[in-house]
PDB file of N, CA and C in Angstrom:
ATOM      1  N   VAL A   1      12.889 -10.247  -2.006  1.00  0.00           N
ATOM      2  CA  VAL A   1      11.415 -10.290  -2.069  1.00  0.00           C
ATOM      3  C   VAL A   1      10.966  -9.671  -3.377  1.00  0.00           C
ATOM      4  N   GLN A   2      10.124 -10.383  -4.084  1.00  0.00           N
ATOM      5  CA  GLN A   2       9.521  -9.839  -5.294  1.00  0.00           C
ATOM      6  C   GLN A   2       8.079  -9.471  -4.976  1.00  0.00           C
ATOM      7  N   LEU A   3       7.697  -8.278  -5.385  1.00  0.00           N
ATOM      8  CA  LEU A   3       6.361  -7.762  -5.113  1.00  0.00           C
ATOM      9  C   LEU A   3       5.650  -7.439  -6.407  1.00  0.00           C
ATOM     10  N   GLN A   4       4.426  -7.899  -6.524  1.00  0.00           N
ATOM     11  CA  GLN A   4       3.620  -7.633  -7.725  1.00  0.00           C
ATOM     12  C   GLN A   4       2.361  -6.933  -7.308  1.00  0.00           C
ATOM     13  N   ALA A   5       2.260  -5.652  -7.637  1.00  0.00           N
ATOM     14  CA  ALA A   5       1.068  -4.875  -7.294  1.00  0.00           C
ATOM     15  C   ALA A   5       0.080  -4.908  -8.459  1.00  0.00           C
ATOM     16  N   SER A   6      -1.204  -4.879  -8.107  1.00  0.00           N
ATOM     17  CA  SER A   6      -2.255  -4.857  -9.107  1.00  0.00           C
ATOM     18  C   SER A   6      -3.510  -4.251  -8.512  1.00  0.00           C
ATOM     19  N   GLY A   7      -4.482  -3.991  -9.361  1.00  0.00           N
ATOM     20  CA  GLY A   7      -5.776  -3.525  -8.896  1.00  0.00           C
ATOM     21  C   GLY A   7      -6.084  -2.075  -9.166  1.00  0.00           C
ATOM     22  N   GLY A   8      -5.133  -1.327  -9.681  1.00  0.00           N
ATOM     23  CA  GLY A   8      -5.399   0.069  -9.979  1.00  0.00           C
ATOM     24  C   GLY A   8      -6.347   0.209 -11.168  1.00  0.00           C
ATOM     25  N   GLY A   9      -6.761   1.428 -11.399  1.00  0.00           N
ATOM     26  CA  GLY A   9      -7.636   1.692 -12.514  1.00  0.00           C
ATOM     27  C   GLY A   9      -8.288   3.061 -12.410  1.00  0.00           C
ATOM     28  N   LEU A  10      -9.270   3.265 -13.244  1.00  0.00           N
ATOM     29  CA  LEU A  10     -10.006   4.549 -13.289  1.00  0.00           C
ATOM     30  C   LEU A  10     -11.312   4.341 -12.531  1.00  0.00           C
ATOM     31  N   VAL A  11     -11.582   5.241 -11.627  1.00  0.00           N
ATOM     32  CA  VAL A  11     -12.803   5.156 -10.833  1.00  0.00           C
ATOM     33  C   VAL A  11     -13.352   6.549 -10.609  1.00  0.00           C
ATOM     34  N   GLN A  12     -14.655   6.674 -10.494  1.00  0.00           N
ATOM     35  CA  GLN A  12     -15.251   7.965 -10.218  1.00  0.00           C
ATOM     36  C   GLN A  12     -15.129   8.313  -8.745  1.00  0.00           C
ATOM     37  N   ALA A  13     -15.144   9.582  -8.462  1.00  0.00           N
ATOM     38  CA  ALA A  13     -15.107  10.033  -7.084  1.00  0.00           C
ATOM     39  C   ALA A  13     -16.235   9.386  -6.277  1.00  0.00           C
ATOM     40  N   GLY A  14     -15.881   8.934  -5.092  1.00  0.00           N
ATOM     41  CA  GLY A  14     -16.843   8.224  -4.256  1.00  0.00           C
ATOM     42  C   GLY A  14     -16.807   6.725  -4.433  1.00  0.00           C
ATOM     43  N   GLY A  15     -16.103   6.278  -5.438  1.00  0.00           N
ATOM     44  CA  GLY A  15     -15.998   4.841  -5.697  1.00  0.00           C
ATOM     45  C   GLY A  15     -14.967   4.148  -4.838  1.00  0.00           C
ATOM     46  N   SER A  16     -14.782   2.858  -5.127  1.00  0.00           N
ATOM     47  CA  SER A  16     -13.872   2.048  -4.330  1.00  0.00           C
ATOM     48  C   SER A  16     -12.963   1.218  -5.245  1.00  0.00           C
ATOM     49  N   LEU A  17     -11.807   0.885  -4.673  1.00  0.00           N
ATOM     50  CA  LEU A  17     -10.864  -0.011  -5.330  1.00  0.00           C
ATOM     51  C   LEU A  17     -10.190  -0.884  -4.290  1.00  0.00           C
ATOM     52  N   ARG A  18      -9.757  -2.045  -4.698  1.00  0.00           N
ATOM     53  CA  ARG A  18      -8.922  -2.870  -3.821  1.00  0.00           C
ATOM     54  C   ARG A  18      -7.630  -3.193  -4.555  1.00  0.00           C
ATOM     55  N   LEU A  19      -6.548  -2.743  -3.976  1.00  0.00           N
ATOM     56  CA  LEU A  19      -5.225  -3.029  -4.522  1.00  0.00           C
ATOM     57  C   LEU A  19      -4.678  -4.292  -3.879  1.00  0.00           C
ATOM     58  N   SER A  20      -3.945  -5.060  -4.661  1.00  0.00           N
ATOM     59  CA  SER A  20      -3.317  -6.282  -4.151  1.00  0.00           C
ATOM     60  C   SER A  20      -1.812  -6.217  -4.334  1.00  0.00           C
ATOM     61  N   CYS A  21      -1.091  -6.858  -3.445  1.00  0.00           N
ATOM     62  CA  CYS A  21       0.364  -6.944  -3.553  1.00  0.00           C
ATOM     63  C   CYS A  21       0.772  -8.362  -3.200  1.00  0.00           C
ATOM     64  N   ALA A  22       1.169  -9.123  -4.206  1.00  0.00           N
ATOM     65  CA  ALA A  22       1.589 -10.491  -3.994  1.00  0.00           C
ATOM     66  C   ALA A  22       3.086 -10.534  -3.771  1.00  0.00           C
ATOM     67  N   ALA A  23       3.509 -11.175  -2.693  1.00  0.00           N
ATOM     68  CA  ALA A  23       4.918 -11.228  -2.342  1.00  0.00           C
ATOM     69  C   ALA A  23       5.454 -12.633  -2.535  1.00  0.00           C
ATOM     70  N   SER A  24       6.691 -12.735  -2.976  1.00  0.00           N
ATOM     71  CA  SER A  24       7.352 -14.026  -3.119  1.00  0.00           C
ATOM     72  C   SER A  24       8.826 -13.862  -2.809  1.00  0.00           C
ATOM     73  N   GLY A  25       9.483 -14.973  -2.494  1.00  0.00           N
ATOM     74  CA  GLY A  25      10.915 -14.929  -2.203  1.00  0.00           C
ATOM     75  C   GLY A  25      11.153 -14.928  -0.718  1.00  0.00           C
ATOM     76  N   ARG A  26      11.949 -14.008  -0.241  1.00  0.00           N
ATOM     77  CA  ARG A  26      12.343 -13.982   1.163  1.00  0.00           C
ATOM     78  C   ARG A  26      11.221 -13.499   2.085  1.00  0.00           C
ATOM     79  N   THR A  27      11.447 -13.703   3.351  1.00  0.00           N
ATOM     80  CA  THR A  27      10.469 -13.203   4.326  1.00  0.00           C
ATOM     81  C   THR A  27      10.677 -11.718   4.552  1.00  0.00           C
ATOM     82  N   PHE A  28       9.688 -11.100   5.151  1.00  0.00           N
ATOM     83  CA  PHE A  28       9.754  -9.670   5.430  1.00  0.00           C
ATOM     84  C   PHE A  28       8.993  -9.409   6.706  1.00  0.00           C
ATOM     85  N   SER A  29       9.203  -8.227   7.272  1.00  0.00           N
ATOM     86  CA  SER A  29       8.589  -7.937   8.558  1.00  0.00           C
ATOM     87  C   SER A  29       7.307  -7.123   8.427  1.00  0.00           C
ATOM     88  N   SER A  30       7.282  -6.208   7.496  1.00  0.00           N
ATOM     89  CA  SER A  30       6.126  -5.317   7.346  1.00  0.00           C
ATOM     90  C   SER A  30       5.877  -5.042   5.869  1.00  0.00           C
ATOM     91  N   MET A  31       4.653  -4.662   5.562  1.00  0.00           N
ATOM     92  CA  MET A  31       4.281  -4.274   4.218  1.00  0.00           C
ATOM     93  C   MET A  31       3.681  -2.880   4.293  1.00  0.00           C
ATOM     94  N   GLY A  32       4.045  -2.052   3.344  1.00  0.00           N
ATOM     95  CA  GLY A  32       3.488  -0.711   3.327  1.00  0.00           C
ATOM     96  C   GLY A  32       2.949  -0.407   1.935  1.00  0.00           C
ATOM     97  N   TRP A  33       1.939   0.459   1.915  1.00  0.00           N
ATOM     98  CA  TRP A  33       1.437   1.024   0.672  1.00  0.00           C
ATOM     99  C   TRP A  33       1.795   2.482   0.643  1.00  0.00           C
ATOM    100  N   PHE A  34       2.428   2.904  -0.432  1.00  0.00           N
ATOM    101  CA  PHE A  34       2.812   4.285  -0.627  1.00  0.00           C
ATOM    102  C   PHE A  34       2.152   4.795  -1.912  1.00  0.00           C
ATOM    103  N   ARG A  35       2.128   6.094  -2.064  1.00  0.00           N
ATOM    104  CA  ARG A  35       1.644   6.629  -3.315  1.00  0.00           C
ATOM    105  C   ARG A  35       2.485   7.832  -3.695  1.00  0.00           C
ATOM    106  N   GLN A  36       2.498   8.085  -4.993  1.00  0.00           N
ATOM    107  CA  GLN A  36       3.232   9.237  -5.512  1.00  0.00           C
ATOM    108  C   GLN A  36       2.444   9.868  -6.642  1.00  0.00           C
ATOM    109  N   ALA A  37       2.059  11.095  -6.423  1.00  0.00           N
ATOM    110  CA  ALA A  37       1.352  11.867  -7.440  1.00  0.00           C
ATOM    111  C   ALA A  37       2.380  12.659  -8.252  1.00  0.00           C
ATOM    112  N   PRO A  38       2.032  13.045  -9.476  1.00  0.00           N
ATOM    113  CA  PRO A  38       2.970  13.820 -10.294  1.00  0.00           C
ATOM    114  C   PRO A  38       3.460  15.076  -9.581  1.00  0.00           C
ATOM    115  N   GLY A  39       4.761  15.239  -9.543  1.00  0.00           N
ATOM    116  CA  GLY A  39       5.347  16.423  -8.932  1.00  0.00           C
ATOM    117  C   GLY A  39       5.417  16.412  -7.430  1.00  0.00           C
ATOM    118  N   LYS A  40       5.005  15.283  -6.824  1.00  0.00           N
ATOM    119  CA  LYS A  40       4.999  15.207  -5.369  1.00  0.00           C
ATOM    120  C   LYS A  40       5.923  14.077  -4.910  1.00  0.00           C
ATOM    121  N   GLU A  41       6.266  14.142  -3.635  1.00  0.00           N
ATOM    122  CA  GLU A  41       7.096  13.088  -3.070  1.00  0.00           C
ATOM    123  C   GLU A  41       6.259  11.851  -2.771  1.00  0.00           C
ATOM    124  N   ARG A  42       6.943  10.732  -2.694  1.00  0.00           N
ATOM    125  CA  ARG A  42       6.276   9.495  -2.322  1.00  0.00           C
ATOM    126  C   ARG A  42       5.864   9.572  -0.851  1.00  0.00           C
ATOM    127  N   GLU A  43       4.624   9.182  -0.547  1.00  0.00           N
ATOM    128  CA  GLU A  43       4.113   9.287   0.806  1.00  0.00           C
ATOM    129  C   GLU A  43       3.442   7.991   1.232  1.00  0.00           C
ATOM    130  N   LEU A  44       3.534   7.738   2.527  1.00  0.00           N
ATOM    131  CA  LEU A  44       2.930   6.551   3.094  1.00  0.00           C
ATOM    132  C   LEU A  44       1.398   6.684   3.100  1.00  0.00           C
ATOM    133  N   VAL A  45       0.723   5.599   2.724  1.00  0.00           N
ATOM    134  CA  VAL A  45      -0.724   5.535   2.830  1.00  0.00           C
ATOM    135  C   VAL A  45      -1.104   4.705   4.051  1.00  0.00           C
ATOM    136  N   ALA A  46      -0.578   3.487   4.124  1.00  0.00           N
ATOM    137  CA  ALA A  46      -0.879   2.575   5.223  1.00  0.00           C
ATOM    138  C   ALA A  46       0.228   1.556   5.336  1.00  0.00           C
ATOM    139  N   ALA A  47       0.358   0.982   6.540  1.00  0.00           N
ATOM    140  CA  ALA A  47       1.394  -0.026   6.777  1.00  0.00           C
ATOM    141  C   ALA A  47       0.842  -1.118   7.673  1.00  0.00           C
ATOM    142  N   LEU A  48       1.433  -2.292   7.544  1.00  0.00           N
ATOM    143  CA  LEU A  48       0.948  -3.450   8.276  1.00  0.00           C
ATOM    144  C   LEU A  48       2.147  -4.275   8.733  1.00  0.00           C
ATOM    145  N   ASN A  49       2.212  -4.567  10.027  1.00  0.00           N
ATOM    146  CA  ASN A  49       3.215  -5.481  10.537  1.00  0.00           C
ATOM    147  C   ASN A  49       2.733  -6.898  10.235  1.00  0.00           C
ATOM    148  N   TRP A  50       3.546  -7.634   9.495  1.00  0.00           N
ATOM    149  CA  TRP A  50       3.056  -8.892   8.938  1.00  0.00           C
ATOM    150  C   TRP A  50       2.776  -9.944  10.007  1.00  0.00           C
ATOM    151  N   SER A  51       3.618 -10.027  11.014  1.00  0.00           N
ATOM    152  CA  SER A  51       3.428 -11.084  12.029  1.00  0.00           C
ATOM    153  C   SER A  51       2.428 -10.668  13.101  1.00  0.00           C
ATOM    154  N   GLY A  52       2.523  -9.407  13.570  1.00  0.00           N
ATOM    155  CA  GLY A  52       1.668  -8.990  14.667  1.00  0.00           C
ATOM    156  C   GLY A  52       0.330  -8.451  14.229  1.00  0.00           C
ATOM    157  N   GLY A  53       0.270  -7.989  13.001  1.00  0.00           N
ATOM    158  CA  GLY A  53      -1.001  -7.492  12.497  1.00  0.00           C
ATOM    159  C   GLY A  53      -1.294  -6.029  12.816  1.00  0.00           C
ATOM    160  N   SER A  54      -0.388  -5.340  13.489  1.00  0.00           N
ATOM    161  CA  SER A  54      -0.636  -3.931  13.795  1.00  0.00           C
ATOM    162  C   SER A  54      -0.639  -3.134  12.490  1.00  0.00           C
ATOM    163  N   THR A  55      -1.420  -2.066  12.501  1.00  0.00           N
ATOM    164  CA  THR A  55      -1.580  -1.254  11.299  1.00  0.00           C
ATOM    165  C   THR A  55      -1.387   0.227  11.610  1.00  0.00           C
ATOM    166  N   TYR A  56      -1.114   0.954  10.555  1.00  0.00           N
ATOM    167  CA  TYR A  56      -0.985   2.403  10.649  1.00  0.00           C
ATOM    168  C   TYR A  56      -1.619   3.010   9.394  1.00  0.00           C
ATOM    169  N   TYR A  57      -2.357   4.090   9.598  1.00  0.00           N
ATOM    170  CA  TYR A  57      -2.969   4.799   8.459  1.00  0.00           C
ATOM    171  C   TYR A  57      -2.606   6.272   8.554  1.00  0.00           C
ATOM    172  N   THR A  58      -2.238   6.823   7.415  1.00  0.00           N
ATOM    173  CA  THR A  58      -1.989   8.261   7.363  1.00  0.00           C
ATOM    174  C   THR A  58      -3.319   8.986   7.502  1.00  0.00           C
ATOM    175  N   ASP A  59      -3.275  10.165   8.045  1.00  0.00           N
ATOM    176  CA  ASP A  59      -4.504  10.909   8.361  1.00  0.00           C
ATOM    177  C   ASP A  59      -5.424  11.059   7.168  1.00  0.00           C
ATOM    178  N   PHE A  60      -4.861  11.286   5.989  1.00  0.00           N
ATOM    179  CA  PHE A  60      -5.734  11.582   4.862  1.00  0.00           C
ATOM    180  C   PHE A  60      -6.514  10.370   4.348  1.00  0.00           C
ATOM    181  N   VAL A  61      -6.219   9.168   4.879  1.00  0.00           N
ATOM    182  CA  VAL A  61      -7.003   8.001   4.456  1.00  0.00           C
ATOM    183  C   VAL A  61      -7.731   7.326   5.616  1.00  0.00           C
ATOM    184  N   LYS A  62      -7.550   7.845   6.809  1.00  0.00           N
ATOM    185  CA  LYS A  62      -8.220   7.220   7.964  1.00  0.00           C
ATOM    186  C   LYS A  62      -9.710   7.197   7.761  1.00  0.00           C
ATOM    187  N   GLY A  63     -10.309   6.061   7.994  1.00  0.00           N
ATOM    188  CA  GLY A  63     -11.728   5.898   7.830  1.00  0.00           C
ATOM    189  C   GLY A  63     -12.140   5.550   6.404  1.00  0.00           C
ATOM    190  N   ARG A  64     -11.200   5.635   5.472  1.00  0.00           N
ATOM    191  CA  ARG A  64     -11.514   5.336   4.076  1.00  0.00           C
ATOM    192  C   ARG A  64     -10.769   4.131   3.555  1.00  0.00           C
ATOM    193  N   CYS A  65      -9.710   3.726   4.236  1.00  0.00           N
ATOM    194  CA  CYS A  65      -8.863   2.641   3.742  1.00  0.00           C
ATOM    195  C   CYS A  65      -8.697   1.548   4.782  1.00  0.00           C
ATOM    196  N   THR A  66      -8.503   0.357   4.291  1.00  0.00           N
ATOM    197  CA  THR A  66      -8.215  -0.786   5.171  1.00  0.00           C
ATOM    198  C   THR A  66      -7.081  -1.581   4.540  1.00  0.00           C
ATOM    199  N   ILE A  67      -6.009  -1.782   5.320  1.00  0.00           N
ATOM    200  CA  ILE A  67      -4.922  -2.645   4.883  1.00  0.00           C
ATOM    201  C   ILE A  67      -5.075  -3.993   5.550  1.00  0.00           C
ATOM    202  N   SER A  68      -4.889  -5.033   4.786  1.00  0.00           N
ATOM    203  CA  SER A  68      -5.064  -6.374   5.337  1.00  0.00           C
ATOM    204  C   SER A  68      -4.119  -7.346   4.638  1.00  0.00           C
ATOM    205  N   ARG A  69      -4.099  -8.586   5.129  1.00  0.00           N
ATOM    206  CA  ARG A  69      -3.215  -9.567   4.539  1.00  0.00           C
ATOM    207  C   ARG A  69      -3.888 -10.932   4.491  1.00  0.00           C
ATOM    208  N   ASP A  70      -3.433 -11.756   3.571  1.00  0.00           N
ATOM    209  CA  ASP A  70      -3.843 -13.136   3.495  1.00  0.00           C
ATOM    210  C   ASP A  70      -2.557 -13.945   3.566  1.00  0.00           C
ATOM    211  N   ASN A  71      -2.310 -14.512   4.739  1.00  0.00           N
ATOM    212  CA  ASN A  71      -1.050 -15.228   4.930  1.00  0.00           C
ATOM    213  C   ASN A  71      -0.925 -16.423   3.981  1.00  0.00           C
ATOM    214  N   SER A  72      -2.032 -17.076   3.695  1.00  0.00           N
ATOM    215  CA  SER A  72      -1.969 -18.263   2.857  1.00  0.00           C
ATOM    216  C   SER A  72      -1.544 -17.922   1.419  1.00  0.00           C
ATOM    217  N   LYS A  73      -1.823 -16.686   1.024  1.00  0.00           N
ATOM    218  CA  LYS A  73      -1.444 -16.248  -0.316  1.00  0.00           C
ATOM    219  C   LYS A  73      -0.235 -15.313  -0.312  1.00  0.00           C
ATOM    220  N   ASN A  74       0.251 -14.997   0.873  1.00  0.00           N
ATOM    221  CA  ASN A  74       1.366 -14.046   1.012  1.00  0.00           C
ATOM    222  C   ASN A  74       1.065 -12.764   0.240  1.00  0.00           C
ATOM    223  N   THR A  75      -0.148 -12.291   0.422  1.00  0.00           N
ATOM    224  CA  THR A  75      -0.639 -11.136  -0.310  1.00  0.00           C
ATOM    225  C   THR A  75      -1.203 -10.106   0.639  1.00  0.00           C
ATOM    226  N   ALA A  76      -0.893  -8.848   0.372  1.00  0.00           N
ATOM    227  CA  ALA A  76      -1.454  -7.744   1.112  1.00  0.00           C
ATOM    228  C   ALA A  76      -2.473  -7.012   0.250  1.00  0.00           C
ATOM    229  N   TYR A  77      -3.427  -6.389   0.904  1.00  0.00           N
ATOM    230  CA  TYR A  77      -4.480  -5.684   0.202  1.00  0.00           C
ATOM    231  C   TYR A  77      -4.626  -4.267   0.774  1.00  0.00           C
ATOM    232  N   LEU A  78      -5.053  -3.371  -0.075  1.00  0.00           N
ATOM    233  CA  LEU A  78      -5.439  -2.044   0.376  1.00  0.00           C
ATOM    234  C   LEU A  78      -6.791  -1.738  -0.211  1.00  0.00           C
ATOM    235  N   ARG A  79      -7.796  -1.747   0.639  1.00  0.00           N
ATOM    236  CA  ARG A  79      -9.142  -1.416   0.211  1.00  0.00           C
ATOM    237  C   ARG A  79      -9.349   0.073   0.415  1.00  0.00           C
ATOM    238  N   MET A  80      -9.726   0.767  -0.646  1.00  0.00           N
ATOM    239  CA  MET A  80      -9.939   2.207  -0.574  1.00  0.00           C
ATOM    240  C   MET A  80     -11.377   2.534  -0.930  1.00  0.00           C
ATOM    241  N   ASN A  81     -12.038   3.231  -0.033  1.00  0.00           N
ATOM    242  CA  ASN A  81     -13.445   3.627  -0.258  1.00  0.00           C
ATOM    243  C   ASN A  81     -13.525   5.142  -0.342  1.00  0.00           C
ATOM    244  N   ASN A  82     -14.658   5.610  -0.857  1.00  0.00           N
ATOM    245  CA  ASN A  82     -14.895   7.049  -0.953  1.00  0.00           C
ATOM    246  C   ASN A  82     -13.698   7.767  -1.569  1.00  0.00           C
ATOM    247  N   LEU A  83     -13.246   7.277  -2.683  1.00  0.00           N
ATOM    248  CA  LEU A  83     -12.068   7.846  -3.325  1.00  0.00           C
ATOM    249  C   LEU A  83     -12.335   9.276  -3.783  1.00  0.00           C
ATOM    250  N   LYS A  84     -11.275  10.073  -3.699  1.00  0.00           N
ATOM    251  CA  LYS A  84     -11.333  11.478  -4.083  1.00  0.00           C
ATOM    252  C   LYS A  84     -10.339  11.740  -5.218  1.00  0.00           C
ATOM    253  N   PRO A  85     -10.587  12.784  -6.003  1.00  0.00           N
ATOM    254  CA  PRO A  85      -9.638  13.085  -7.088  1.00  0.00           C
ATOM    255  C   PRO A  85      -8.203  13.262  -6.582  1.00  0.00           C
ATOM    256  N   GLU A  86      -8.048  13.762  -5.383  1.00  0.00           N
ATOM    257  CA  GLU A  86      -6.704  13.957  -4.830  1.00  0.00           C
ATOM    258  C   GLU A  86      -6.017  12.654  -4.463  1.00  0.00           C
ATOM    259  N   ASP A  87      -6.765  11.548  -4.524  1.00  0.00           N
ATOM    260  CA  ASP A  87      -6.146  10.225  -4.324  1.00  0.00           C
ATOM    261  C   ASP A  87      -5.471   9.711  -5.587  1.00  0.00           C
ATOM    262  N   THR A  88      -5.619  10.423  -6.669  1.00  0.00           N
ATOM    263  CA  THR A  88      -4.981  10.011  -7.936  1.00  0.00           C
ATOM    264  C   THR A  88      -3.474   9.987  -7.779  1.00  0.00           C
ATOM    265  N   ALA A  89      -2.882   8.824  -8.079  1.00  0.00           N
ATOM    266  CA  ALA A  89      -1.439   8.656  -7.897  1.00  0.00           C
ATOM    267  C   ALA A  89      -1.047   7.253  -8.370  1.00  0.00           C
ATOM    268  N   VAL A  90       0.232   7.022  -8.454  1.00  0.00           N
ATOM    269  CA  VAL A  90       0.751   5.674  -8.602  1.00  0.00           C
ATOM    270  C   VAL A  90       0.935   5.103  -7.201  1.00  0.00           C
ATOM    271  N   TYR A  91       0.353   3.956  -6.972  1.00  0.00           N
ATOM    272  CA  TYR A  91       0.412   3.326  -5.661  1.00  0.00           C
ATOM    273  C   TYR A  91       1.459   2.191  -5.710  1.00  0.00           C
ATOM    274  N   TYR A  92       2.324   2.184  -4.724  1.00  0.00           N
ATOM    275  CA  TYR A  92       3.372   1.185  -4.630  1.00  0.00           C
ATOM    276  C   TYR A  92       3.230   0.399  -3.348  1.00  0.00           C
ATOM    277  N   CYS A  93       3.468  -0.909  -3.441  1.00  0.00           N
ATOM    278  CA  CYS A  93       3.610  -1.685  -2.221  1.00  0.00           C
ATOM    279  C   CYS A  93       5.104  -1.894  -1.966  1.00  0.00           C
ATOM    280  N   ALA A  94       5.453  -2.010  -0.712  1.00  0.00           N
ATOM    281  CA  ALA A  94       6.842  -2.157  -0.343  1.00  0.00           C
ATOM    282  C   ALA A  94       6.931  -3.068   0.865  1.00  0.00           C
ATOM    283  N   ALA A  95       8.029  -3.778   0.977  1.00  0.00           N
ATOM    284  CA  ALA A  95       8.245  -4.701   2.084  1.00  0.00           C
ATOM    285  C   ALA A  95       9.528  -4.337   2.814  1.00  0.00           C
ATOM    286  N   ALA A  96       9.492  -4.486   4.113  1.00  0.00           N
ATOM    287  CA  ALA A  96      10.658  -4.206   4.951  1.00  0.00           C
ATOM    288  C   ALA A  96      11.363  -5.513   5.308  1.00  0.00           C
ATOM    289  N   ALA A  97      12.672  -5.489   5.307  1.00  0.00           N
ATOM    290  CA  ALA A  97      13.466  -6.693   5.654  1.00  0.00           C
ATOM    291  C   ALA A  97      13.183  -7.130   7.091  1.00  0.00           C
ATOM    292  N   PRO A  98      13.370  -8.396   7.391  1.00  0.00           N
ATOM    293  CA  PRO A  98      13.061  -8.904   8.742  1.00  0.00           C
ATOM    294  C   PRO A  98      13.786  -8.181   9.854  1.00  0.00           C
ATOM    295  N   LEU A  99      14.958  -7.597   9.576  1.00  0.00           N
ATOM    296  CA  LEU A  99      15.701  -6.925  10.644  1.00  0.00           C
ATOM    297  C   LEU A  99      15.021  -5.630  11.089  1.00  0.00           C
ATOM    298  N   ARG A 100      14.108  -5.125  10.313  1.00  0.00           N
ATOM    299  CA  ARG A 100      13.421  -3.879  10.664  1.00  0.00           C
ATOM    300  C   ARG A 100      12.206  -4.218  11.530  1.00  0.00           C
ATOM    301  N   LEU A 101      12.340  -3.958  12.825  1.00  0.00           N
ATOM    302  CA  LEU A 101      11.310  -4.308  13.771  1.00  0.00           C
ATOM    303  C   LEU A 101      10.240  -3.236  13.839  1.00  0.00           C
ATOM    304  N   GLY A 102       9.143  -3.569  14.462  1.00  0.00           N
ATOM    305  CA  GLY A 102       8.057  -2.603  14.623  1.00  0.00           C
ATOM    306  C   GLY A 102       7.302  -2.384  13.341  1.00  0.00           C
ATOM    307  N   LEU A 103       6.892  -1.151  13.090  1.00  0.00           N
ATOM    308  CA  LEU A 103       6.108  -0.815  11.913  1.00  0.00           C
ATOM    309  C   LEU A 103       6.745   0.404  11.248  1.00  0.00           C
ATOM    310  N   PRO A 104       7.612   0.180  10.292  1.00  0.00           N
ATOM    311  CA  PRO A 104       8.291   1.308   9.639  1.00  0.00           C
ATOM    312  C   PRO A 104       7.303   2.221   8.933  1.00  0.00           C
ATOM    313  N   LEU A 105       7.547   3.511   9.040  1.00  0.00           N
ATOM    314  CA  LEU A 105       6.675   4.476   8.380  1.00  0.00           C
ATOM    315  C   LEU A 105       7.378   5.249   7.275  1.00  0.00           C
ATOM    316  N   SER A 106       8.677   5.266   7.297  1.00  0.00           N
ATOM    317  CA  SER A 106       9.428   6.007   6.290  1.00  0.00           C
ATOM    318  C   SER A 106       9.711   5.110   5.083  1.00  0.00           C
ATOM    319  N   PRO A 107       9.570   5.649   3.860  1.00  0.00           N
ATOM    320  CA  PRO A 107       9.908   4.850   2.688  1.00  0.00           C
ATOM    321  C   PRO A 107      11.356   4.382   2.709  1.00  0.00           C
ATOM    322  N   HIS A 108      12.223   5.110   3.414  1.00  0.00           N
ATOM    323  CA  HIS A 108      13.631   4.719   3.460  1.00  0.00           C
ATOM    324  C   HIS A 108      13.865   3.436   4.240  1.00  0.00           C
ATOM    325  N   LEU A 109      12.858   3.031   5.021  1.00  0.00           N
ATOM    326  CA  LEU A 109      12.992   1.807   5.832  1.00  0.00           C
ATOM    327  C   LEU A 109      12.391   0.595   5.132  1.00  0.00           C
ATOM    328  N   TYR A 110      11.988   0.760   3.898  1.00  0.00           N
ATOM    329  CA  TYR A 110      11.460  -0.359   3.133  1.00  0.00           C
ATOM    330  C   TYR A 110      12.489  -0.753   2.097  1.00  0.00           C
ATOM    331  N   ASP A 111      12.725  -2.041   2.017  1.00  0.00           N
ATOM    332  CA  ASP A 111      13.838  -2.552   1.230  1.00  0.00           C
ATOM    333  C   ASP A 111      13.449  -3.092  -0.144  1.00  0.00           C
ATOM    334  N   TYR A 112      12.204  -3.445  -0.294  1.00  0.00           N
ATOM    335  CA  TYR A 112      11.777  -4.059  -1.544  1.00  0.00           C
ATOM    336  C   TYR A 112      10.524  -3.338  -2.025  1.00  0.00           C
ATOM    337  N   TRP A 113      10.462  -3.079  -3.326  1.00  0.00           N
ATOM    338  CA  TRP A 113       9.367  -2.298  -3.892  1.00  0.00           C
ATOM    339  C   TRP A 113       8.751  -3.003  -5.081  1.00  0.00           C
ATOM    340  N   GLY A 114       7.420  -2.902  -5.172  1.00  0.00           N
ATOM    341  CA  GLY A 114       6.720  -3.372  -6.344  1.00  0.00           C
ATOM    342  C   GLY A 114       6.801  -2.330  -7.430  1.00  0.00           C
ATOM    343  N   GLN A 115       6.169  -2.641  -8.564  1.00  0.00           N
ATOM    344  CA  GLN A 115       6.297  -1.784  -9.748  1.00  0.00           C
ATOM    345  C   GLN A 115       5.322  -0.627  -9.783  1.00  0.00           C
ATOM    346  N   GLY A 116       4.345  -0.612  -8.903  1.00  0.00           N
ATOM    347  CA  GLY A 116       3.379   0.463  -8.884  1.00  0.00           C
ATOM    348  C   GLY A 116       2.156   0.166  -9.740  1.00  0.00           C
ATOM    349  N   THR A 117       1.037   0.675  -9.283  1.00  0.00           N
ATOM    350  CA  THR A 117      -0.212   0.542 -10.028  1.00  0.00           C
ATOM    351  C   THR A 117      -0.915   1.887  -9.980  1.00  0.00           C
ATOM    352  N   LEU A 118      -1.408   2.336 -11.122  1.00  0.00           N
ATOM    353  CA  LEU A 118      -1.965   3.677 -11.251  1.00  0.00           C
ATOM    354  C   LEU A 118      -3.423   3.700 -10.828  1.00  0.00           C
ATOM    355  N   VAL A 119      -3.751   4.610  -9.951  1.00  0.00           N
ATOM    356  CA  VAL A 119      -5.129   4.865  -9.546  1.00  0.00           C
ATOM    357  C   VAL A 119      -5.515   6.265 -10.018  1.00  0.00           C
ATOM    358  N   THR A 120      -6.556   6.352 -10.802  1.00  0.00           N
ATOM    359  CA  THR A 120      -7.044   7.626 -11.300  1.00  0.00           C
ATOM    360  C   THR A 120      -8.481   7.796 -10.841  1.00  0.00           C
ATOM    361  N   VAL A 121      -8.728   8.888 -10.136  1.00  0.00           N
ATOM    362  CA  VAL A 121     -10.072   9.175  -9.640  1.00  0.00           C
ATOM    363  C   VAL A 121     -10.615  10.391 -10.368  1.00  0.00           C
ATOM    364  N   SER A 122     -11.689  10.218 -11.083  1.00  0.00           N
ATOM    365  CA  SER A 122     -12.280  11.326 -11.818  1.00  0.00           C
ATOM    366  C   SER A 122     -13.351  12.016 -10.994  1.00  0.00           C
ATOM    367  N   SER A 123     -13.474  13.301 -11.217  1.00  0.00           N
ATOM    368  CA  SER A 123     -14.463  14.089 -10.433  1.00  0.00           C
ATOM    369  C   SER A 123     -15.814  14.110 -11.118  1.00  0.00           C
TER     370      SER A 123
END
């Protein structure tokens, strides 16, 4: 699976962004958005089971983010509202192989990774 992430940029606190992740190649079971800030570990932001549509959001983005998909475009989206400076990070999309059932939450359970897109939130 090849993943192409886009949509990052510089935004003021309180603003919004929509990240996109276009997938091509093999099928996959779930898509996740992760982020990694300088000096910190990579952490899950949100995940989506591609066939069933179930979703998961980490506590720090609940109510501020929406993960969605467009099956016709094989693309996942992460809409982020009310952005905060602490949301500044490189955001990665990742896909889990079909054998991984359910909704994986650990980055170790994702098999394919996009290149990352930088989100910078200014105060």
